[in-house]
Amino acid sequence: MKTDIASLLKAEYGPMWHDTMCDLPDGWVQPLVDLLERLYRLSSIDPIRDRTVYWVAVRVDVYDSSAMAFASPIMPSHTWTPGRAMACVEALTEFTGRTQETCSVCGSDGYLRTAILGDHGEGVFCDEHASGDSYAS
């Protein structure tokens, strides 16, 4: 991810930001923003306070075929409701699914391209960013 984008996201999402997010390719920034927004809005589900609180700390693992986000609760367990917990799980699952269907270069619709014949280009790409015959779908 470009450093200027990472800096903006770090400033916007503060305690939820983790430096592992910098490893995301540029095409997967929008799924990350959507994830962070959904996790930020956990306070609006079964509210317990008048102000927004951070419910989770997040880190991201990046692979050729997807990225996975992991959330650690930072609010006491008695403040979690089934609705809030399910919204968190759904946001994490949606993030992984979107990275599996989004070009890691440009953010357009993409799919996993598998390297064949010793080529080194496995990843999730759109038709434009796939290197032609070097992939088998």
N, C-alpha and C. Protein backbone atom coordinates (compact mmCIF):
# COMPACT_ATOMS: atom_id res chain seq x y z
N MET A 1 0.85 -1.17 0.00
CA MET A 1 0.00 0.00 0.00
C MET A 1 0.89 1.23 0.00
N LYS A 2 0.45 2.23 -0.74
CA LYS A 2 1.20 3.48 -0.78
C LYS A 2 1.26 4.10 0.61
N THR A 3 2.40 4.69 0.94
CA THR A 3 2.59 5.23 2.29
C THR A 3 1.64 6.38 2.61
N ASP A 4 1.28 7.19 1.60
CA ASP A 4 0.36 8.29 1.88
C ASP A 4 -1.03 7.77 2.22
N ILE A 5 -1.46 6.69 1.57
CA ILE A 5 -2.76 6.09 1.89
C ILE A 5 -2.71 5.47 3.29
N ALA A 6 -1.62 4.78 3.58
CA ALA A 6 -1.46 4.17 4.91
C ALA A 6 -1.50 5.24 6.00
N SER A 7 -0.86 6.36 5.76
CA SER A 7 -0.86 7.44 6.75
C SER A 7 -2.26 7.99 6.99
N LEU A 8 -3.02 8.16 5.93
CA LEU A 8 -4.40 8.64 6.07
C LEU A 8 -5.26 7.65 6.85
N LEU A 9 -5.12 6.37 6.53
CA LEU A 9 -5.92 5.36 7.23
C LEU A 9 -5.51 5.24 8.69
N LYS A 10 -4.24 5.34 8.95
CA LYS A 10 -3.76 5.29 10.34
C LYS A 10 -4.32 6.46 11.14
N ALA A 11 -4.34 7.63 10.54
CA ALA A 11 -4.90 8.81 11.22
C ALA A 11 -6.40 8.67 11.43
N GLU A 12 -7.09 8.10 10.47
CA GLU A 12 -8.55 7.98 10.53
C GLU A 12 -9.01 6.91 11.51
N TYR A 13 -8.33 5.77 11.53
CA TYR A 13 -8.82 4.63 12.31
C TYR A 13 -7.99 4.32 13.55
N GLY A 14 -7.04 5.16 13.85
CA GLY A 14 -6.25 5.11 15.08
C GLY A 14 -6.02 3.75 15.70
N PRO A 15 -6.70 3.46 16.81
CA PRO A 15 -6.43 2.24 17.56
C PRO A 15 -6.67 0.94 16.79
N MET A 16 -7.47 0.99 15.73
CA MET A 16 -7.69 -0.23 14.96
C MET A 16 -6.59 -0.48 13.94
N TRP A 17 -5.78 0.54 13.66
CA TRP A 17 -4.72 0.41 12.65
C TRP A 17 -3.60 -0.48 13.17
N HIS A 18 -3.08 -1.31 12.29
CA HIS A 18 -1.89 -2.10 12.60
C HIS A 18 -0.98 -2.04 11.38
N ASP A 19 0.31 -1.97 11.60
CA ASP A 19 1.26 -1.81 10.50
C ASP A 19 1.23 -2.96 9.50
N THR A 20 0.67 -4.11 9.87
CA THR A 20 0.54 -5.21 8.90
C THR A 20 -0.35 -4.80 7.73
N MET A 21 -1.19 -3.81 7.92
CA MET A 21 -2.08 -3.35 6.86
C MET A 21 -1.29 -2.70 5.72
N CYS A 22 -0.11 -2.21 6.02
CA CYS A 22 0.74 -1.62 4.99
C CYS A 22 1.16 -2.63 3.92
N ASP A 23 1.10 -3.92 4.26
CA ASP A 23 1.49 -4.97 3.32
C ASP A 23 0.43 -5.25 2.26
N LEU A 24 -0.77 -4.70 2.44
CA LEU A 24 -1.82 -4.93 1.44
C LEU A 24 -1.45 -4.26 0.12
N PRO A 25 -1.72 -4.94 -0.99
CA PRO A 25 -1.52 -4.27 -2.28
C PRO A 25 -2.57 -3.18 -2.47
N ASP A 26 -2.28 -2.24 -3.32
CA ASP A 26 -3.15 -1.09 -3.53
C ASP A 26 -4.58 -1.47 -3.93
N GLY A 27 -4.73 -2.54 -4.68
CA GLY A 27 -6.06 -2.95 -5.12
C GLY A 27 -6.97 -3.41 -4.00
N TRP A 28 -6.40 -3.75 -2.86
CA TRP A 28 -7.19 -4.24 -1.74
C TRP A 28 -7.42 -3.19 -0.66
N VAL A 29 -7.13 -1.94 -0.96
CA VAL A 29 -7.34 -0.86 0.00
C VAL A 29 -8.83 -0.66 0.28
N GLN A 30 -9.67 -0.68 -0.76
CA GLN A 30 -11.10 -0.45 -0.54
C GLN A 30 -11.73 -1.53 0.34
N PRO A 31 -11.43 -2.83 0.13
CA PRO A 31 -11.97 -3.81 1.07
C PRO A 31 -11.50 -3.56 2.51
N LEU A 32 -10.26 -3.07 2.69
CA LEU A 32 -9.77 -2.75 4.02
C LEU A 32 -10.56 -1.58 4.62
N VAL A 33 -10.77 -0.53 3.84
CA VAL A 33 -11.52 0.63 4.33
C VAL A 33 -12.93 0.20 4.74
N ASP A 34 -13.56 -0.62 3.91
CA ASP A 34 -14.91 -1.11 4.23
C ASP A 34 -14.90 -1.92 5.52
N LEU A 35 -13.88 -2.75 5.71
CA LEU A 35 -13.75 -3.53 6.95
C LEU A 35 -13.62 -2.61 8.16
N LEU A 36 -12.70 -1.66 8.08
CA LEU A 36 -12.47 -0.75 9.20
C LEU A 36 -13.72 0.07 9.52
N GLU A 37 -14.44 0.49 8.49
CA GLU A 37 -15.68 1.23 8.72
C GLU A 37 -16.70 0.37 9.46
N ARG A 38 -16.84 -0.86 9.03
CA ARG A 38 -17.81 -1.75 9.69
C ARG A 38 -17.41 -2.02 11.14
N LEU A 39 -16.13 -2.21 11.38
CA LEU A 39 -15.67 -2.45 12.75
C LEU A 39 -15.79 -1.19 13.60
N TYR A 40 -15.58 -0.04 13.00
CA TYR A 40 -15.74 1.23 13.70
C TYR A 40 -17.19 1.42 14.13
N ARG A 41 -18.13 0.95 13.31
CA ARG A 41 -19.55 1.13 13.58
C ARG A 41 -20.13 0.07 14.51
N LEU A 42 -19.31 -0.79 15.09
CA LEU A 42 -19.83 -1.79 16.04
C LEU A 42 -20.53 -1.13 17.22
N SER A 43 -20.17 0.10 17.52
CA SER A 43 -20.81 0.82 18.62
C SER A 43 -22.27 1.13 18.35
N SER A 44 -22.64 1.19 17.08
CA SER A 44 -24.03 1.50 16.76
C SER A 44 -24.94 0.28 16.87
N ILE A 45 -24.36 -0.89 17.07
CA ILE A 45 -25.13 -2.12 17.25
C ILE A 45 -25.32 -2.33 18.74
N ASP A 46 -26.54 -2.35 19.18
CA ASP A 46 -26.84 -2.51 20.60
C ASP A 46 -26.02 -1.51 21.44
N PRO A 47 -26.19 -0.21 21.22
CA PRO A 47 -25.35 0.80 21.89
C PRO A 47 -25.38 0.69 23.42
N ILE A 48 -24.20 0.92 24.00
CA ILE A 48 -24.10 0.95 25.46
C ILE A 48 -23.65 2.33 25.94
N ARG A 49 -23.23 3.17 25.01
CA ARG A 49 -22.73 4.50 25.38
C ARG A 49 -23.20 5.51 24.34
N ASP A 50 -23.08 6.75 24.68
CA ASP A 50 -23.44 7.80 23.74
C ASP A 50 -22.30 8.14 22.78
N ARG A 51 -21.14 7.62 23.04
CA ARG A 51 -20.00 7.94 22.17
C ARG A 51 -19.46 6.66 21.53
N THR A 52 -18.69 6.83 20.50
CA THR A 52 -18.10 5.70 19.80
C THR A 52 -16.90 5.19 20.58
N VAL A 53 -16.82 3.88 20.69
CA VAL A 53 -15.66 3.25 21.31
C VAL A 53 -15.09 2.25 20.31
N TYR A 54 -13.83 1.96 20.45
CA TYR A 54 -13.20 0.94 19.62
C TYR A 54 -13.39 -0.41 20.28
N TRP A 55 -13.89 -1.36 19.52
CA TRP A 55 -14.20 -2.68 20.07
C TRP A 55 -13.11 -3.70 19.83
N VAL A 56 -12.33 -3.49 18.76
CA VAL A 56 -11.33 -4.49 18.40
C VAL A 56 -10.03 -3.84 17.95
N ALA A 57 -8.97 -4.60 18.11
CA ALA A 57 -7.69 -4.29 17.47
C ALA A 57 -7.59 -5.26 16.29
N VAL A 58 -7.07 -4.80 15.19
CA VAL A 58 -7.07 -5.59 13.96
C VAL A 58 -5.66 -5.72 13.41
N ARG A 59 -5.36 -6.90 12.88
CA ARG A 59 -4.14 -7.09 12.11
C ARG A 59 -4.50 -7.86 10.85
N VAL A 60 -3.64 -7.80 9.86
CA VAL A 60 -3.93 -8.40 8.56
C VAL A 60 -2.76 -9.27 8.11
N ASP A 61 -3.08 -10.44 7.58
CA ASP A 61 -2.09 -11.29 6.92
C ASP A 61 -2.40 -11.29 5.44
N VAL A 62 -1.37 -11.08 4.61
CA VAL A 62 -1.55 -10.98 3.17
C VAL A 62 -0.93 -12.20 2.50
N TYR A 63 -1.71 -12.79 1.61
CA TYR A 63 -1.28 -13.96 0.83
C TYR A 63 -1.47 -13.63 -0.65
N ASP A 64 -0.95 -14.47 -1.53
CA ASP A 64 -1.14 -14.25 -2.97
C ASP A 64 -2.62 -14.32 -3.35
N SER A 65 -3.36 -15.22 -2.71
CA SER A 65 -4.74 -15.48 -3.11
C SER A 65 -5.78 -14.70 -2.32
N SER A 66 -5.39 -14.03 -1.24
CA SER A 66 -6.34 -13.27 -0.43
C SER A 66 -5.60 -12.59 0.71
N ALA A 67 -6.37 -11.90 1.52
CA ALA A 67 -5.86 -11.35 2.77
C ALA A 67 -6.86 -11.74 3.85
N MET A 68 -6.37 -11.95 5.05
CA MET A 68 -7.24 -12.28 6.17
C MET A 68 -7.03 -11.27 7.28
N ALA A 69 -8.11 -10.83 7.87
CA ALA A 69 -8.04 -9.91 8.99
C ALA A 69 -8.39 -10.66 10.27
N PHE A 70 -7.70 -10.32 11.32
CA PHE A 70 -7.93 -10.93 12.63
C PHE A 70 -8.22 -9.82 13.62
N ALA A 71 -9.26 -10.00 14.40
CA ALA A 71 -9.66 -8.99 15.37
C ALA A 71 -9.52 -9.53 16.78
N SER A 72 -8.95 -8.72 17.65
CA SER A 72 -8.85 -9.05 19.07
C SER A 72 -9.73 -8.09 19.84
N PRO A 73 -10.66 -8.60 20.63
CA PRO A 73 -11.54 -7.72 21.40
C PRO A 73 -10.74 -6.87 22.39
N ILE A 74 -11.10 -5.59 22.47
CA ILE A 74 -10.45 -4.74 23.46
C ILE A 74 -11.46 -4.20 24.48
N MET A 75 -12.73 -4.52 24.27
CA MET A 75 -13.76 -4.16 25.25
C MET A 75 -14.09 -5.41 26.06
N PRO A 76 -14.48 -5.24 27.31
CA PRO A 76 -14.79 -6.39 28.17
C PRO A 76 -15.88 -7.28 27.56
N SER A 77 -15.78 -8.56 27.83
CA SER A 77 -16.70 -9.53 27.22
C SER A 77 -18.15 -9.27 27.60
N HIS A 78 -18.42 -8.74 28.79
CA HIS A 78 -19.81 -8.51 29.17
C HIS A 78 -20.49 -7.40 28.36
N THR A 79 -19.70 -6.61 27.62
CA THR A 79 -20.28 -5.55 26.79
C THR A 79 -20.59 -6.02 25.37
N TRP A 80 -20.12 -7.21 25.03
CA TRP A 80 -20.39 -7.76 23.71
C TRP A 80 -21.77 -8.41 23.70
N THR A 81 -22.51 -8.14 22.66
CA THR A 81 -23.81 -8.77 22.48
C THR A 81 -23.70 -9.74 21.31
N PRO A 82 -24.63 -10.67 21.18
CA PRO A 82 -24.59 -11.56 20.01
C PRO A 82 -24.63 -10.80 18.69
N GLY A 83 -25.41 -9.73 18.62
CA GLY A 83 -25.48 -8.94 17.39
C GLY A 83 -24.17 -8.27 17.04
N ARG A 84 -23.51 -7.72 18.04
CA ARG A 84 -22.22 -7.07 17.82
C ARG A 84 -21.16 -8.08 17.42
N ALA A 85 -21.13 -9.22 18.09
CA ALA A 85 -20.15 -10.26 17.78
C ALA A 85 -20.35 -10.79 16.35
N MET A 86 -21.61 -11.01 15.97
CA MET A 86 -21.89 -11.50 14.62
C MET A 86 -21.52 -10.47 13.57
N ALA A 87 -21.77 -9.20 13.83
CA ALA A 87 -21.39 -8.14 12.89
C ALA A 87 -19.87 -8.12 12.70
N CYS A 88 -19.13 -8.35 13.76
CA CYS A 88 -17.67 -8.39 13.68
C CYS A 88 -17.22 -9.57 12.81
N VAL A 89 -17.76 -10.73 13.08
CA VAL A 89 -17.41 -11.94 12.30
C VAL A 89 -17.77 -11.75 10.83
N GLU A 90 -18.94 -11.20 10.58
CA GLU A 90 -19.36 -10.97 9.19
C GLU A 90 -18.43 -10.00 8.47
N ALA A 91 -17.99 -8.95 9.14
CA ALA A 91 -17.07 -7.98 8.54
C ALA A 91 -15.74 -8.64 8.19
N LEU A 92 -15.22 -9.45 9.08
CA LEU A 92 -13.95 -10.14 8.84
C LEU A 92 -14.07 -11.12 7.67
N THR A 93 -15.16 -11.86 7.63
CA THR A 93 -15.38 -12.83 6.56
C THR A 93 -15.55 -12.14 5.21
N GLU A 94 -16.31 -11.05 5.21
CA GLU A 94 -16.53 -10.29 3.98
C GLU A 94 -15.21 -9.74 3.43
N PHE A 95 -14.34 -9.27 4.31
CA PHE A 95 -13.05 -8.74 3.88
C PHE A 95 -12.25 -9.81 3.13
N THR A 96 -12.15 -10.99 3.70
CA THR A 96 -11.39 -12.06 3.05
C THR A 96 -12.02 -12.41 1.71
N GLY A 97 -13.34 -12.55 1.68
CA GLY A 97 -14.02 -12.87 0.43
C GLY A 97 -13.79 -11.82 -0.64
N ARG A 98 -13.83 -10.57 -0.27
CA ARG A 98 -13.62 -9.51 -1.26
C ARG A 98 -12.20 -9.50 -1.81
N THR A 99 -11.22 -9.81 -0.97
CA THR A 99 -9.85 -9.83 -1.51
C THR A 99 -9.66 -11.01 -2.47
N GLN A 100 -10.46 -12.04 -2.34
CA GLN A 100 -10.37 -13.18 -3.25
C GLN A 100 -11.02 -12.89 -4.61
N GLU A 101 -11.77 -11.79 -4.70
CA GLU A 101 -12.49 -11.46 -5.92
C GLU A 101 -12.13 -10.08 -6.46
N THR A 102 -11.08 -9.47 -5.92
CA THR A 102 -10.69 -8.11 -6.29
C THR A 102 -9.26 -8.11 -6.78
N CYS A 103 -9.02 -7.49 -7.92
CA CYS A 103 -7.66 -7.39 -8.47
C CYS A 103 -6.77 -6.69 -7.45
N SER A 104 -5.67 -7.32 -7.12
CA SER A 104 -4.76 -6.76 -6.12
C SER A 104 -4.01 -5.54 -6.64
N VAL A 105 -4.05 -5.32 -7.94
CA VAL A 105 -3.35 -4.17 -8.52
C VAL A 105 -4.25 -2.94 -8.59
N CYS A 106 -5.48 -3.12 -9.14
CA CYS A 106 -6.31 -1.94 -9.42
C CYS A 106 -7.63 -1.89 -8.67
N GLY A 107 -8.05 -2.99 -8.04
CA GLY A 107 -9.30 -3.00 -7.30
C GLY A 107 -10.52 -3.37 -8.11
N SER A 108 -10.35 -3.68 -9.40
CA SER A 108 -11.46 -4.14 -10.23
C SER A 108 -11.79 -5.58 -9.89
N ASP A 109 -12.88 -6.08 -10.47
CA ASP A 109 -13.21 -7.49 -10.29
C ASP A 109 -12.05 -8.34 -10.80
N GLY A 110 -11.69 -9.36 -10.04
CA GLY A 110 -10.60 -10.24 -10.44
C GLY A 110 -10.83 -11.63 -9.92
N TYR A 111 -9.93 -12.51 -10.26
CA TYR A 111 -10.00 -13.86 -9.73
C TYR A 111 -8.59 -14.43 -9.66
N LEU A 112 -8.45 -15.52 -8.94
CA LEU A 112 -7.14 -16.12 -8.71
C LEU A 112 -6.56 -16.65 -10.01
N ARG A 113 -5.37 -16.24 -10.30
CA ARG A 113 -4.62 -16.75 -11.45
C ARG A 113 -3.48 -17.59 -10.88
N THR A 114 -3.37 -18.79 -11.35
CA THR A 114 -2.36 -19.70 -10.85
C THR A 114 -1.21 -19.78 -11.82
N ALA A 115 0.00 -19.64 -11.31
CA ALA A 115 1.18 -19.71 -12.15
C ALA A 115 1.34 -21.12 -12.72
N ILE A 116 1.69 -21.19 -14.00
CA ILE A 116 1.96 -22.48 -14.63
C ILE A 116 3.30 -22.43 -15.33
N LEU A 117 3.86 -23.57 -15.58
CA LEU A 117 5.12 -23.69 -16.30
C LEU A 117 6.24 -22.87 -15.66
N GLY A 118 6.26 -22.83 -14.34
CA GLY A 118 7.34 -22.16 -13.62
C GLY A 118 7.24 -20.66 -13.56
N ASP A 119 6.16 -20.08 -14.08
CA ASP A 119 5.99 -18.63 -14.02
C ASP A 119 5.75 -18.20 -12.58
N HIS A 120 6.20 -17.02 -12.22
CA HIS A 120 6.03 -16.50 -10.86
C HIS A 120 5.03 -15.36 -10.87
N GLY A 121 3.77 -15.66 -10.98
CA GLY A 121 2.80 -14.59 -11.04
C GLY A 121 1.46 -14.94 -10.44
N GLU A 122 1.45 -15.82 -9.46
CA GLU A 122 0.18 -16.20 -8.86
C GLU A 122 -0.40 -15.04 -8.07
N GLY A 123 -1.70 -14.88 -8.15
CA GLY A 123 -2.37 -13.84 -7.40
C GLY A 123 -3.76 -13.59 -7.93
N VAL A 124 -4.42 -12.60 -7.36
CA VAL A 124 -5.77 -12.23 -7.79
C VAL A 124 -5.63 -11.01 -8.69
N PHE A 125 -6.04 -11.20 -9.96
CA PHE A 125 -5.88 -10.14 -10.96
C PHE A 125 -7.11 -10.05 -11.84
N CYS A 126 -7.33 -8.87 -12.38
CA CYS A 126 -8.34 -8.68 -13.42
C CYS A 126 -7.71 -9.11 -14.75
N ASP A 127 -8.50 -9.12 -15.80
CA ASP A 127 -7.96 -9.52 -17.11
C ASP A 127 -6.85 -8.59 -17.56
N GLU A 128 -6.98 -7.31 -17.25
CA GLU A 128 -5.96 -6.35 -17.68
C GLU A 128 -4.61 -6.57 -17.01
N HIS A 129 -4.62 -6.96 -15.74
CA HIS A 129 -3.36 -7.10 -15.00
C HIS A 129 -2.83 -8.53 -14.96
N ALA A 130 -3.55 -9.46 -15.54
CA ALA A 130 -3.05 -10.83 -15.66
C ALA A 130 -2.08 -10.82 -16.85
N SER A 131 -1.02 -11.55 -16.73
CA SER A 131 -0.04 -11.54 -17.80
C SER A 131 -0.34 -12.61 -18.85
N GLY A 132 -1.50 -12.49 -19.46
CA GLY A 132 -1.88 -13.30 -20.61
C GLY A 132 -1.80 -14.79 -20.42
N ASP A 133 -0.99 -15.44 -21.22
CA ASP A 133 -0.92 -16.90 -21.26
C ASP A 133 -0.21 -17.51 -20.06
N SER A 134 0.33 -16.69 -19.18
CA SER A 134 1.10 -17.25 -18.06
C SER A 134 0.19 -17.70 -16.91
N TYR A 135 -1.13 -17.60 -17.09
CA TYR A 135 -2.06 -18.01 -16.03
C TYR A 135 -3.04 -19.03 -16.53
N ALA A 136 -3.43 -19.88 -15.62
CA ALA A 136 -4.54 -20.80 -15.88
C ALA A 136 -5.63 -20.45 -14.90
N SER A 137 -6.83 -20.28 -15.36
CA SER A 137 -7.90 -19.92 -14.42
C SER A 137 -8.66 -21.13 -13.97
